Amino acid sequence: MISKATLQDIPALLTLINSAYRGETSKKGWTTEAHLLEGKRTTEEELTEIVLNPKNTFLKYTANDKIIGSVLLVEKEHQLYLGMLTVSPELQNGGIGKKMLAEGEKHAKALGLSSILMTVVSVRSELIAWYKRHGYVETGEREAFPASDIHINISNEPLEFIFLEKKI
């Protein structure tokens, strides 16, 4: 079931998102960033800010009373920004991510927005290919990957974000 996340969901979301992107548990799935980055993907403070911001909709995918997927949708002027698309590493490749993308498209249409924008780490070629199979195209825009205490680059390659967009 897909529904809107609340403040009470933050501990479960924090565990899910960090386990899917970083550390040993993330290596069970194909979307891991553990070979590129150390540290956490997000913090309790960041998730709290996200949930409290009225321009944001944080959706959760729940099965058997457990949050196993999530996606952040941010209402911009003419676009919806989609981020933090997450599926539990053990359940990846089962269609949950595709359902969350479709829910993002429904949300954008309901808001009267004509496209969805996202950023993906440039060296994540299989992830970029997955989004392209779902109708996203590179915009040509790039942005430096932020250096911080949370996102610690351990890759030999310089990291940057590429922007992907889907017209809906």
Protein backbone atom coordinates (compact mmCIF):
# COMPACT_ATOMS: atom_id res chain seq x y z
CA MET A 1 0.00 0.00 0.00
CA ILE A 2 1.28 3.48 -0.87
CA SER A 3 0.44 6.35 1.47
CA LYS A 4 1.87 9.61 2.75
CA ALA A 5 4.61 9.30 5.37
CA THR A 6 4.23 11.09 8.70
CA LEU A 7 6.59 12.13 11.48
CA GLN A 8 5.92 8.79 13.18
CA ASP A 9 7.41 7.02 10.12
CA ILE A 10 10.77 8.79 10.33
CA PRO A 11 12.64 6.09 12.33
CA ALA A 12 11.58 3.37 9.86
CA LEU A 13 12.30 5.61 6.85
CA LEU A 14 15.73 6.50 8.23
CA THR A 15 16.63 2.83 8.61
CA LEU A 16 15.25 1.91 5.18
CA ILE A 17 16.93 4.73 3.23
CA ASN A 18 20.33 4.37 4.88
CA SER A 19 20.26 0.56 4.52
CA ALA A 20 19.40 0.76 0.81
CA TYR A 21 22.10 3.26 -0.16
CA ARG A 22 25.06 2.76 2.19
CA GLY A 23 26.85 0.09 4.16
CA GLU A 24 26.90 -3.69 3.94
CA THR A 25 23.13 -4.19 3.84
CA SER A 26 22.86 -2.02 0.74
CA LYS A 27 25.07 -4.47 -1.16
CA LYS A 28 22.16 -6.95 -1.18
CA GLY A 29 20.45 -4.69 -3.73
CA TRP A 30 21.54 -3.26 -7.07
CA THR A 31 21.06 0.40 -6.11
CA THR A 32 23.85 0.53 -3.52
CA GLU A 33 26.22 3.48 -3.33
CA ALA A 34 28.49 1.71 -0.82
CA HIS A 35 31.31 1.44 -3.39
CA LEU A 36 31.15 5.22 -3.95
CA LEU A 37 30.24 6.80 -0.65
CA GLU A 38 30.57 6.23 3.06
CA GLY A 39 28.50 7.82 5.77
CA LYS A 40 24.75 8.10 5.87
CA ARG A 41 22.37 8.84 3.00
CA THR A 42 20.12 10.92 5.24
CA THR A 43 19.59 11.95 8.85
CA GLU A 44 16.63 12.15 11.20
CA GLU A 45 16.88 15.95 11.08
CA GLU A 46 16.75 16.02 7.27
CA LEU A 47 13.77 13.66 7.15
CA THR A 48 11.93 15.72 9.77
CA GLU A 49 12.46 18.90 7.73
CA ILE A 50 11.26 17.11 4.59
CA VAL A 51 8.08 15.77 6.19
CA LEU A 52 7.23 19.13 7.80
CA ASN A 53 7.66 21.13 4.55
CA PRO A 54 4.24 21.60 2.90
CA LYS A 55 5.82 21.61 -0.60
CA ASN A 56 7.00 18.03 -0.03
CA THR A 57 5.13 14.77 -0.17
CA PHE A 58 7.02 11.78 1.18
CA LEU A 59 5.35 8.56 0.14
CA LYS A 60 5.88 5.20 1.80
CA TYR A 61 5.21 1.72 0.46
CA THR A 62 4.01 -0.53 3.25
CA ALA A 63 3.60 -4.31 3.26
CA ASN A 64 2.80 -6.38 6.35
CA ASP A 65 3.00 -3.23 8.51
CA LYS A 66 6.59 -2.60 7.41
CA ILE A 67 7.83 0.30 5.26
CA ILE A 68 9.69 -1.31 2.35
CA GLY A 69 9.80 1.59 -0.10
CA SER A 70 9.69 5.37 -0.22
CA VAL A 71 9.99 8.35 -2.52
CA LEU A 72 10.28 12.09 -1.95
CA LEU A 73 8.20 14.36 -4.19
CA VAL A 74 8.91 18.10 -4.07
CA GLU A 75 6.58 20.59 -5.73
CA LYS A 76 8.60 23.14 -7.70
CA GLU A 77 7.23 25.96 -9.90
CA HIS A 78 6.54 23.95 -13.07
CA GLN A 79 8.01 20.57 -12.17
CA LEU A 80 7.95 17.88 -9.58
CA TYR A 81 11.34 16.93 -8.16
CA LEU A 82 11.62 13.21 -7.39
CA GLY A 83 14.29 12.04 -4.97
CA MET A 84 15.25 9.37 -2.45
CA LEU A 85 13.48 6.63 -4.39
CA THR A 86 14.17 3.68 -2.10
CA VAL A 87 13.28 0.01 -2.03
CA SER A 88 14.47 -2.41 0.64
CA PRO A 89 17.61 -4.11 -0.77
CA GLU A 90 16.18 -7.63 -0.38
CA LEU A 91 13.06 -6.66 -2.37
CA GLN A 92 14.63 -4.76 -5.27
CA ASN A 93 13.74 -5.90 -8.80
CA GLY A 94 10.20 -6.77 -7.72
CA GLY A 95 8.33 -3.82 -9.22
CA ILE A 96 8.06 -1.62 -6.12
CA GLY A 97 10.31 1.10 -7.57
CA LYS A 98 8.23 1.16 -10.75
CA LYS A 99 5.05 1.57 -8.67
CA MET A 100 6.63 4.44 -6.73
CA LEU A 101 7.63 6.17 -9.99
CA ALA A 102 4.07 5.80 -11.28
CA GLU A 103 2.73 7.30 -8.05
CA GLY A 104 5.09 10.26 -8.55
CA GLU A 105 3.66 10.78 -12.03
CA LYS A 106 0.09 10.69 -10.67
CA HIS A 107 1.07 13.24 -8.03
CA ALA A 108 2.63 15.56 -10.63
CA LYS A 109 -0.48 15.36 -12.82
CA ALA A 110 -2.73 16.06 -9.83
CA LEU A 111 -0.70 19.23 -9.16
CA GLY A 112 -0.95 20.25 -12.83
CA LEU A 113 2.81 19.92 -13.37
CA SER A 114 4.14 18.92 -16.78
CA SER A 115 7.38 17.14 -15.91
CA ILE A 116 9.37 15.32 -13.26
CA LEU A 117 13.02 16.15 -12.60
CA MET A 118 15.58 14.16 -10.65
CA THR A 119 19.31 13.96 -10.06
CA VAL A 120 21.39 10.78 -10.18
CA VAL A 121 25.06 10.31 -9.36
CA SER A 122 26.82 10.33 -12.75
CA VAL A 123 28.69 7.04 -12.34
CA ARG A 124 25.50 5.08 -11.56
CA SER A 125 25.11 3.87 -15.16
CA GLU A 126 22.75 0.95 -14.44
CA LEU A 127 20.46 3.21 -12.40
CA ILE A 128 20.48 5.89 -15.11
CA ALA A 129 19.62 3.19 -17.67
CA TRP A 130 16.71 2.03 -15.47
CA TYR A 131 15.28 5.54 -15.33
CA LYS A 132 15.73 5.93 -19.09
CA ARG A 133 13.74 2.71 -19.62
CA HIS A 134 10.98 4.43 -17.66
CA GLY A 135 10.91 7.49 -19.92
CA TYR A 136 13.47 9.80 -18.33
CA VAL A 137 16.04 11.61 -20.49
CA GLU A 138 19.22 13.47 -19.62
CA THR A 139 18.76 17.24 -19.66
CA GLY A 140 22.47 17.94 -20.14
CA GLU A 141 22.61 19.78 -16.83
CA ARG A 142 25.17 18.66 -14.26
CA GLU A 143 25.99 19.71 -10.73
CA ALA A 144 28.95 19.00 -8.48
CA PHE A 145 28.33 16.34 -5.86
CA PRO A 146 28.27 18.05 -2.46
CA ALA A 147 31.10 17.31 -0.08
CA SER A 148 29.94 16.93 3.51
CA ASP A 149 30.43 15.08 6.76
CA ILE A 150 27.60 12.74 5.77
CA HIS A 151 28.43 11.97 2.13
CA ILE A 152 32.08 10.83 2.12
CA ASN A 153 33.38 10.14 -1.39
CA ILE A 154 35.48 6.96 -1.50
CA SER A 155 35.34 6.61 -5.29
CA ASN A 156 38.39 7.06 -7.48
CA GLU A 157 36.20 9.01 -9.89
CA PRO A 158 34.92 12.53 -9.33
CA LEU A 159 31.20 12.41 -8.59
CA GLU A 160 28.58 14.74 -9.96
CA PHE A 161 24.83 14.75 -10.34
CA ILE A 162 23.23 14.48 -13.75
CA PHE A 163 19.70 15.73 -14.22
CA LEU A 164 17.03 13.48 -15.71
CA GLU A 165 13.56 14.64 -16.75
CA LYS A 166 10.33 13.04 -17.86
CA LYS A 167 7.54 14.98 -19.54
CA ILE A 168 4.14 13.81 -18.40
